[in-house]
């Protein structure tokens, strides 16, 4: 496991070398970190927490939302990226 953010991004980039949808593949770490950051804020400041399944679902929904806003009519490629994870 990488111990630093730059090492994590480098290993993620290496893992996605053969990905057919590299742009979407590159969005996933930001999506994961944003979801974790939001969950942290909910726990620290709103006194509410979600179980792991809910956090994963929020991450997937956020990823889909971002992809739909950037790649509006390419829903098949979004599903392909999700299958690779």
PDB file of N, CA and C in Angstrom:
ATOM      1  N   UNK A   1       0.839  -1.189   0.000  1.00  0.00           N
ATOM      2  CA  UNK A   1       0.000   0.000   0.000  1.00  0.00           C
ATOM      3  C   UNK A   1       0.881   1.248   0.000  1.00  0.00           C
ATOM      4  N   UNK A   2       0.568   2.193  -0.854  1.00  0.00           N
ATOM      5  CA  UNK A   2       1.306   3.450  -0.860  1.00  0.00           C
ATOM      6  C   UNK A   2       1.083   4.210   0.454  1.00  0.00           C
ATOM      7  N   UNK A   3       2.097   4.921   0.873  1.00  0.00           N
ATOM      8  CA  UNK A   3       1.990   5.656   2.132  1.00  0.00           C
ATOM      9  C   UNK A   3       1.762   7.149   1.928  1.00  0.00           C
ATOM     10  N   UNK A   4       1.868   7.618   0.711  1.00  0.00           N
ATOM     11  CA  UNK A   4       1.686   9.042   0.420  1.00  0.00           C
ATOM     12  C   UNK A   4       0.678   9.214  -0.708  1.00  0.00           C
ATOM     13  N   UNK A   5       0.086  10.393  -0.765  1.00  0.00           N
ATOM     14  CA  UNK A   5      -0.916  10.668  -1.793  1.00  0.00           C
ATOM     15  C   UNK A   5      -0.324  10.563  -3.191  1.00  0.00           C
ATOM     16  N   UNK A   6       0.860  11.138  -3.394  1.00  0.00           N
ATOM     17  CA  UNK A   6       1.447  11.073  -4.741  1.00  0.00           C
ATOM     18  C   UNK A   6       1.766   9.642  -5.150  1.00  0.00           C
ATOM     19  N   UNK A   7       2.170   8.791  -4.188  1.00  0.00           N
ATOM     20  CA  UNK A   7       2.411   7.383  -4.496  1.00  0.00           C
ATOM     21  C   UNK A   7       1.096   6.675  -4.843  1.00  0.00           C
ATOM     22  N   UNK A   8       0.045   7.031  -4.134  1.00  0.00           N
ATOM     23  CA  UNK A   8      -1.270   6.445  -4.408  1.00  0.00           C
ATOM     24  C   UNK A   8      -1.731   6.808  -5.813  1.00  0.00           C
ATOM     25  N   UNK A   9      -1.619   8.081  -6.174  1.00  0.00           N
ATOM     26  CA  UNK A   9      -2.028   8.510  -7.509  1.00  0.00           C
ATOM     27  C   UNK A   9      -1.179   7.854  -8.594  1.00  0.00           C
ATOM     28  N   UNK A  10       0.114   7.722  -8.338  1.00  0.00           N
ATOM     29  CA  UNK A  10       0.991   7.061  -9.315  1.00  0.00           C
ATOM     30  C   UNK A  10       0.587   5.608  -9.498  1.00  0.00           C
ATOM     31  N   UNK A  11       0.319   4.900  -8.399  1.00  0.00           N
ATOM     32  CA  UNK A  11      -0.077   3.496  -8.526  1.00  0.00           C
ATOM     33  C   UNK A  11      -1.444   3.369  -9.192  1.00  0.00           C
ATOM     34  N   UNK A  12      -2.337   4.320  -8.931  1.00  0.00           N
ATOM     35  CA  UNK A  12      -3.650   4.309  -9.578  1.00  0.00           C
ATOM     36  C   UNK A  12      -3.486   4.527 -11.082  1.00  0.00           C
ATOM     37  N   UNK A  13      -2.604   5.441 -11.439  1.00  0.00           N
ATOM     38  CA  UNK A  13      -2.349   5.722 -12.858  1.00  0.00           C
ATOM     39  C   UNK A  13      -1.781   4.476 -13.541  1.00  0.00           C
ATOM     40  N   UNK A  14      -0.860   3.800 -12.872  1.00  0.00           N
ATOM     41  CA  UNK A  14      -0.298   2.566 -13.438  1.00  0.00           C
ATOM     42  C   UNK A  14      -1.372   1.496 -13.616  1.00  0.00           C
ATOM     43  N   UNK A  15      -2.271   1.388 -12.651  1.00  0.00           N
ATOM     44  CA  UNK A  15      -3.333   0.384 -12.726  1.00  0.00           C
ATOM     45  C   UNK A  15      -4.287   0.672 -13.883  1.00  0.00           C
ATOM     46  N   UNK A  16      -4.426   1.936 -14.233  1.00  0.00           N
ATOM     47  CA  UNK A  16      -5.357   2.322 -15.287  1.00  0.00           C
ATOM     48  C   UNK A  16      -4.748   2.434 -16.666  1.00  0.00           C
ATOM     49  N   UNK A  17      -3.509   1.976 -16.829  1.00  0.00           N
ATOM     50  CA  UNK A  17      -2.835   2.105 -18.121  1.00  0.00           C
ATOM     51  C   UNK A  17      -3.655   1.478 -19.239  1.00  0.00           C
ATOM     52  N   UNK A  18      -4.238   0.331 -19.001  1.00  0.00           N
ATOM     53  CA  UNK A  18      -5.003  -0.335 -20.046  1.00  0.00           C
ATOM     54  C   UNK A  18      -6.473   0.026 -20.070  1.00  0.00           C
ATOM     55  N   UNK A  19      -6.886   0.953 -19.219  1.00  0.00           N
ATOM     56  CA  UNK A  19      -8.298   1.322 -19.140  1.00  0.00           C
ATOM     57  C   UNK A  19      -8.746   1.984 -20.439  1.00  0.00           C
ATOM     58  N   UNK A  20      -9.916   1.602 -20.904  1.00  0.00           N
ATOM     59  CA  UNK A  20     -10.434   2.187 -22.141  1.00  0.00           C
ATOM     60  C   UNK A  20     -10.974   3.597 -21.912  1.00  0.00           C
ATOM     61  N   UNK A  21     -11.348   3.911 -20.687  1.00  0.00           N
ATOM     62  CA  UNK A  21     -11.908   5.225 -20.353  1.00  0.00           C
ATOM     63  C   UNK A  21     -11.009   5.920 -19.340  1.00  0.00           C
ATOM     64  N   UNK A  22      -9.799   6.263 -19.764  1.00  0.00           N
ATOM     65  CA  UNK A  22      -8.798   6.815 -18.842  1.00  0.00           C
ATOM     66  C   UNK A  22      -9.250   8.091 -18.147  1.00  0.00           C
ATOM     67  N   UNK A  23      -9.984   8.942 -18.830  1.00  0.00           N
ATOM     68  CA  UNK A  23     -10.424  10.190 -18.212  1.00  0.00           C
ATOM     69  C   UNK A  23     -11.318   9.908 -17.010  1.00  0.00           C
ATOM     70  N   UNK A  24     -12.217   8.969 -17.184  1.00  0.00           N
ATOM     71  CA  UNK A  24     -13.110   8.608 -16.082  1.00  0.00           C
ATOM     72  C   UNK A  24     -12.339   7.870 -14.992  1.00  0.00           C
ATOM     73  N   UNK A  25     -11.403   7.026 -15.387  1.00  0.00           N
ATOM     74  CA  UNK A  25     -10.568   6.292 -14.437  1.00  0.00           C
ATOM     75  C   UNK A  25      -9.843   7.271 -13.521  1.00  0.00           C
ATOM     76  N   UNK A  26      -9.372   8.371 -14.082  1.00  0.00           N
ATOM     77  CA  UNK A  26      -8.629   9.371 -13.303  1.00  0.00           C
ATOM     78  C   UNK A  26      -9.525  10.138 -12.332  1.00  0.00           C
ATOM     79  N   UNK A  27     -10.819  10.158 -12.568  1.00  0.00           N
ATOM     80  CA  UNK A  27     -11.749  10.864 -11.682  1.00  0.00           C
ATOM     81  C   UNK A  27     -12.011  10.104 -10.375  1.00  0.00           C
ATOM     82  N   UNK A  28     -11.784   8.809 -10.390  1.00  0.00           N
ATOM     83  CA  UNK A  28     -12.184   7.968  -9.257  1.00  0.00           C
ATOM     84  C   UNK A  28     -11.476   8.331  -7.952  1.00  0.00           C
ATOM     85  N   UNK A  29     -10.137   8.536  -7.918  1.00  0.00           N
ATOM     86  CA  UNK A  29      -9.526   8.902  -6.635  1.00  0.00           C
ATOM     87  C   UNK A  29     -10.109  10.186  -6.039  1.00  0.00           C
ATOM     88  N   UNK A  30     -10.342  11.191  -6.877  1.00  0.00           N
ATOM     89  CA  UNK A  30     -10.931  12.436  -6.378  1.00  0.00           C
ATOM     90  C   UNK A  30     -12.329  12.196  -5.829  1.00  0.00           C
ATOM     91  N   UNK A  31     -13.057  11.354  -6.489  1.00  0.00           N
ATOM     92  CA  UNK A  31     -14.406  11.014  -6.054  1.00  0.00           C
ATOM     93  C   UNK A  31     -14.377  10.305  -4.693  1.00  0.00           C
ATOM     94  N   UNK A  32     -13.466   9.362  -4.542  1.00  0.00           N
ATOM     95  CA  UNK A  32     -13.339   8.640  -3.276  1.00  0.00           C
ATOM     96  C   UNK A  32     -12.944   9.599  -2.163  1.00  0.00           C
ATOM     97  N   UNK A  33     -11.932  10.436  -2.414  1.00  0.00           N
ATOM     98  CA  UNK A  33     -11.468  11.362  -1.378  1.00  0.00           C
ATOM     99  C   UNK A  33     -12.535  12.382  -1.016  1.00  0.00           C
ATOM    100  N   UNK A  34     -13.267  12.873  -2.005  1.00  0.00           N
ATOM    101  CA  UNK A  34     -14.335  13.832  -1.729  1.00  0.00           C
ATOM    102  C   UNK A  34     -15.421  13.191  -0.863  1.00  0.00           C
ATOM    103  N   UNK A  35     -15.777  11.959  -1.180  1.00  0.00           N
ATOM    104  CA  UNK A  35     -16.803  11.254  -0.407  1.00  0.00           C
ATOM    105  C   UNK A  35     -16.342  11.035   1.030  1.00  0.00           C
ATOM    106  N   UNK A  36     -15.089  10.644   1.214  1.00  0.00           N
ATOM    107  CA  UNK A  36     -14.560  10.445   2.570  1.00  0.00           C
ATOM    108  C   UNK A  36     -14.507  11.767   3.324  1.00  0.00           C
ATOM    109  N   UNK A  37     -14.110  12.822   2.654  1.00  0.00           N
ATOM    110  CA  UNK A  37     -14.062  14.149   3.280  1.00  0.00           C
ATOM    111  C   UNK A  37     -15.462  14.581   3.747  1.00  0.00           C
ATOM    112  N   UNK A  38     -16.447  14.377   2.893  1.00  0.00           N
ATOM    113  CA  UNK A  38     -17.821  14.729   3.265  1.00  0.00           C
ATOM    114  C   UNK A  38     -18.309  13.897   4.448  1.00  0.00           C
ATOM    115  N   UNK A  39     -17.991  12.598   4.449  1.00  0.00           N
ATOM    116  CA  UNK A  39     -18.367  11.723   5.558  1.00  0.00           C
ATOM    117  C   UNK A  39     -17.691  12.179   6.844  1.00  0.00           C
ATOM    118  N   UNK A  40     -16.440  12.548   6.751  1.00  0.00           N
ATOM    119  CA  UNK A  40     -15.720  13.067   7.917  1.00  0.00           C
ATOM    120  C   UNK A  40     -16.399  14.320   8.464  1.00  0.00           C
ATOM    121  N   UNK A  41     -16.757  15.224   7.583  1.00  0.00           N
ATOM    122  CA  UNK A  41     -17.439  16.448   8.024  1.00  0.00           C
ATOM    123  C   UNK A  41     -18.789  16.139   8.653  1.00  0.00           C
ATOM    124  N   UNK A  42     -19.539  15.216   8.066  1.00  0.00           N
ATOM    125  CA  UNK A  42     -20.819  14.821   8.657  1.00  0.00           C
ATOM    126  C   UNK A  42     -20.627  14.275  10.064  1.00  0.00           C
ATOM    127  N   UNK A  43     -19.610  13.473  10.256  1.00  0.00           N
ATOM    128  CA  UNK A  43     -19.362  12.887  11.575  1.00  0.00           C
ATOM    129  C   UNK A  43     -18.873  13.918  12.569  1.00  0.00           C
ATOM    130  N   UNK A  44     -17.997  14.815  12.131  1.00  0.00           N
ATOM    131  CA  UNK A  44     -17.412  15.805  13.048  1.00  0.00           C
ATOM    132  C   UNK A  44     -18.359  16.951  13.379  1.00  0.00           C
ATOM    133  N   UNK A  45     -19.089  17.425  12.391  1.00  0.00           N
ATOM    134  CA  UNK A  45     -19.845  18.657  12.567  1.00  0.00           C
ATOM    135  C   UNK A  45     -21.350  18.473  12.610  1.00  0.00           C
ATOM    136  N   UNK A  46     -21.848  17.397  12.051  1.00  0.00           N
ATOM    137  CA  UNK A  46     -23.291  17.170  12.004  1.00  0.00           C
ATOM    138  C   UNK A  46     -23.737  16.036  12.916  1.00  0.00           C
ATOM    139  N   UNK A  47     -22.777  15.372  13.535  1.00  0.00           N
ATOM    140  CA  UNK A  47     -23.059  14.272  14.454  1.00  0.00           C
ATOM    141  C   UNK A  47     -23.897  13.167  13.802  1.00  0.00           C
ATOM    142  N   UNK A  48     -23.579  12.858  12.549  1.00  0.00           N
ATOM    143  CA  UNK A  48     -24.252  11.739  11.881  1.00  0.00           C
ATOM    144  C   UNK A  48     -23.214  10.962  11.092  1.00  0.00           C
ATOM    145  N   UNK A  49     -23.470   9.681  10.991  1.00  0.00           N
ATOM    146  CA  UNK A  49     -22.549   8.850  10.239  1.00  0.00           C
ATOM    147  C   UNK A  49     -23.325   7.835   9.419  1.00  0.00           C
ATOM    148  N   UNK A  50     -22.696   7.409   8.368  1.00  0.00           N
ATOM    149  CA  UNK A  50     -23.280   6.419   7.469  1.00  0.00           C
ATOM    150  C   UNK A  50     -22.486   5.123   7.602  1.00  0.00           C
ATOM    151  N   UNK A  51     -23.145   4.021   7.343  1.00  0.00           N
ATOM    152  CA  UNK A  51     -22.405   2.767   7.347  1.00  0.00           C
ATOM    153  C   UNK A  51     -21.582   2.678   6.061  1.00  0.00           C
ATOM    154  N   UNK A  52     -20.715   1.691   5.992  1.00  0.00           N
ATOM    155  CA  UNK A  52     -19.800   1.566   4.861  1.00  0.00           C
ATOM    156  C   UNK A  52     -20.532   1.429   3.530  1.00  0.00           C
ATOM    157  N   UNK A  53     -21.605   0.684   3.506  1.00  0.00           N
ATOM    158  CA  UNK A  53     -22.371   0.512   2.271  1.00  0.00           C
ATOM    159  C   UNK A  53     -22.929   1.851   1.778  1.00  0.00           C
ATOM    160  N   UNK A  54     -23.418   2.676   2.691  1.00  0.00           N
ATOM    161  CA  UNK A  54     -23.943   3.989   2.309  1.00  0.00           C
ATOM    162  C   UNK A  54     -22.831   4.894   1.780  1.00  0.00           C
ATOM    163  N   UNK A  55     -21.664   4.828   2.388  1.00  0.00           N
ATOM    164  CA  UNK A  55     -20.532   5.634   1.923  1.00  0.00           C
ATOM    165  C   UNK A  55     -20.130   5.197   0.510  1.00  0.00           C
ATOM    166  N   UNK A  56     -20.072   3.894   0.282  1.00  0.00           N
ATOM    167  CA  UNK A  56     -19.746   3.384  -1.061  1.00  0.00           C
ATOM    168  C   UNK A  56     -20.782   3.834  -2.082  1.00  0.00           C
ATOM    169  N   UNK A  57     -22.050   3.748  -1.714  1.00  0.00           N
ATOM    170  CA  UNK A  57     -23.112   4.164  -2.630  1.00  0.00           C
ATOM    171  C   UNK A  57     -23.009   5.651  -2.943  1.00  0.00           C
ATOM    172  N   UNK A  58     -22.730   6.467  -1.932  1.00  0.00           N
ATOM    173  CA  UNK A  58     -22.556   7.904  -2.173  1.00  0.00           C
ATOM    174  C   UNK A  58     -21.403   8.162  -3.132  1.00  0.00           C
ATOM    175  N   UNK A  59     -20.337   7.402  -2.992  1.00  0.00           N
ATOM    176  CA  UNK A  59     -19.188   7.559  -3.875  1.00  0.00           C
ATOM    177  C   UNK A  59     -19.558   7.197  -5.316  1.00  0.00           C
ATOM    178  N   UNK A  60     -20.251   6.104  -5.492  1.00  0.00           N
ATOM    179  CA  UNK A  60     -20.660   5.682  -6.836  1.00  0.00           C
ATOM    180  C   UNK A  60     -21.626   6.692  -7.456  1.00  0.00           C
ATOM    181  N   UNK A  61     -22.560   7.167  -6.668  1.00  0.00           N
ATOM    182  CA  UNK A  61     -23.508   8.160  -7.182  1.00  0.00           C
ATOM    183  C   UNK A  61     -22.807   9.462  -7.545  1.00  0.00           C
ATOM    184  N   UNK A  62     -21.842   9.874  -6.736  1.00  0.00           N
ATOM    185  CA  UNK A  62     -21.081  11.078  -7.050  1.00  0.00           C
ATOM    186  C   UNK A  62     -20.295  10.892  -8.345  1.00  0.00           C
ATOM    187  N   UNK A  63     -19.669   9.732  -8.492  1.00  0.00           N
ATOM    188  CA  UNK A  63     -18.936   9.441  -9.713  1.00  0.00           C
ATOM    189  C   UNK A  63     -19.857   9.515 -10.937  1.00  0.00           C
ATOM    190  N   UNK A  64     -21.022   8.904 -10.827  1.00  0.00           N
ATOM    191  CA  UNK A  64     -21.995   8.949 -11.931  1.00  0.00           C
ATOM    192  C   UNK A  64     -22.442  10.377 -12.212  1.00  0.00           C
ATOM    193  N   UNK A  65     -22.689  11.140 -11.164  1.00  0.00           N
ATOM    194  CA  UNK A  65     -23.096  12.541 -11.332  1.00  0.00           C
ATOM    195  C   UNK A  65     -22.022  13.335 -12.060  1.00  0.00           C
ATOM    196  N   UNK A  66     -20.773  13.195 -11.638  1.00  0.00           N
ATOM    197  CA  UNK A  66     -19.675  13.900 -12.297  1.00  0.00           C
ATOM    198  C   UNK A  66     -19.559  13.479 -13.754  1.00  0.00           C
ATOM    199  N   UNK A  67     -19.630  12.181 -14.002  1.00  0.00           N
ATOM    200  CA  UNK A  67     -19.501  11.694 -15.384  1.00  0.00           C
ATOM    201  C   UNK A  67     -20.643  12.196 -16.262  1.00  0.00           C
ATOM    202  N   UNK A  68     -21.852  12.176 -15.738  1.00  0.00           N
ATOM    203  CA  UNK A  68     -23.002  12.641 -16.519  1.00  0.00           C
ATOM    204  C   UNK A  68     -22.862  14.119 -16.847  1.00  0.00           C
ATOM    205  N   UNK A  69     -22.317  14.891 -15.921  1.00  0.00           N
ATOM    206  CA  UNK A  69     -22.151  16.316 -16.174  1.00  0.00           C
ATOM    207  C   UNK A  69     -21.003  16.616 -17.131  1.00  0.00           C
ATOM    208  N   UNK A  70     -20.016  15.749 -17.171  1.00  0.00           N
ATOM    209  CA  UNK A  70     -18.893  15.962 -18.074  1.00  0.00           C
ATOM    210  C   UNK A  70     -19.099  15.245 -19.403  1.00  0.00           C
ATOM    211  N   UNK A  71     -19.610  14.020 -19.327  1.00  0.00           N
ATOM    212  CA  UNK A  71     -19.798  13.184 -20.518  1.00  0.00           C
ATOM    213  C   UNK A  71     -21.279  12.839 -20.624  1.00  0.00           C
ATOM    214  N   UNK A  72     -22.085  13.789 -20.952  1.00  0.00           N
ATOM    215  CA  UNK A  72     -23.534  13.703 -20.807  1.00  0.00           C
ATOM    216  C   UNK A  72     -24.211  12.480 -21.416  1.00  0.00           C
ATOM    217  N   UNK A  73     -23.833  12.037 -22.564  1.00  0.00           N
ATOM    218  CA  UNK A  73     -24.575  10.955 -23.215  1.00  0.00           C
ATOM    219  C   UNK A  73     -23.827   9.628 -23.248  1.00  0.00           C
ATOM    220  N   UNK A  74     -22.811   9.463 -22.445  1.00  0.00           N
ATOM    221  CA  UNK A  74     -21.988   8.271 -22.511  1.00  0.00           C
ATOM    222  C   UNK A  74     -22.207   7.368 -21.302  1.00  0.00           C
ATOM    223  N   UNK A  75     -23.440   6.985 -21.025  1.00  0.00           N
ATOM    224  CA  UNK A  75     -23.721   6.173 -19.845  1.00  0.00           C
ATOM    225  C   UNK A  75     -23.110   4.786 -19.928  1.00  0.00           C
ATOM    226  N   UNK A  76     -22.962   4.224 -21.106  1.00  0.00           N
ATOM    227  CA  UNK A  76     -22.351   2.903 -21.228  1.00  0.00           C
ATOM    228  C   UNK A  76     -20.908   2.917 -20.762  1.00  0.00           C
ATOM    229  N   UNK A  77     -20.166   3.967 -21.082  1.00  0.00           N
ATOM    230  CA  UNK A  77     -18.772   4.029 -20.659  1.00  0.00           C
ATOM    231  C   UNK A  77     -18.664   4.206 -19.146  1.00  0.00           C
ATOM    232  N   UNK A  78     -19.611   4.865 -18.524  1.00  0.00           N
ATOM    233  CA  UNK A  78     -19.620   5.004 -17.064  1.00  0.00           C
ATOM    234  C   UNK A  78     -19.774   3.633 -16.430  1.00  0.00           C
ATOM    235  N   UNK A  79     -20.688   2.846 -16.950  1.00  0.00           N
ATOM    236  CA  UNK A  79     -20.913   1.496 -16.427  1.00  0.00           C
ATOM    237  C   UNK A  79     -19.674   0.639 -16.643  1.00  0.00           C
ATOM    238  N   UNK A  80     -19.003   0.775 -17.755  1.00  0.00           N
ATOM    239  CA  UNK A  80     -17.774   0.028 -18.020  1.00  0.00           C
ATOM    240  C   UNK A  80     -16.700   0.347 -16.983  1.00  0.00           C
ATOM    241  N   UNK A  81     -16.559   1.619 -16.649  1.00  0.00           N
ATOM    242  CA  UNK A  81     -15.559   2.026 -15.645  1.00  0.00           C
ATOM    243  C   UNK A  81     -15.920   1.429 -14.293  1.00  0.00           C
ATOM    244  N   UNK A  82     -17.183   1.468 -13.917  1.00  0.00           N
ATOM    245  CA  UNK A  82     -17.607   0.914 -12.628  1.00  0.00           C
ATOM    246  C   UNK A  82     -17.346  -0.593 -12.567  1.00  0.00           C
ATOM    247  N   UNK A  83     -17.475  -1.274 -13.670  1.00  0.00           N
ATOM    248  CA  UNK A  83     -17.202  -2.715 -13.692  1.00  0.00           C
ATOM    249  C   UNK A  83     -15.729  -3.024 -13.453  1.00  0.00           C
ATOM    250  N   UNK A  84     -14.846  -2.118 -13.836  1.00  0.00           N
ATOM    251  CA  UNK A  84     -13.410  -2.337 -13.696  1.00  0.00           C
ATOM    252  C   UNK A  84     -12.904  -2.134 -12.272  1.00  0.00           C
ATOM    253  N   UNK A  85     -13.684  -1.482 -11.457  1.00  0.00           N
ATOM    254  CA  UNK A  85     -13.236  -1.166 -10.095  1.00  0.00           C
ATOM    255  C   UNK A  85     -13.277  -2.397  -9.223  1.00  0.00           C
TER     256      UNK A  85
END
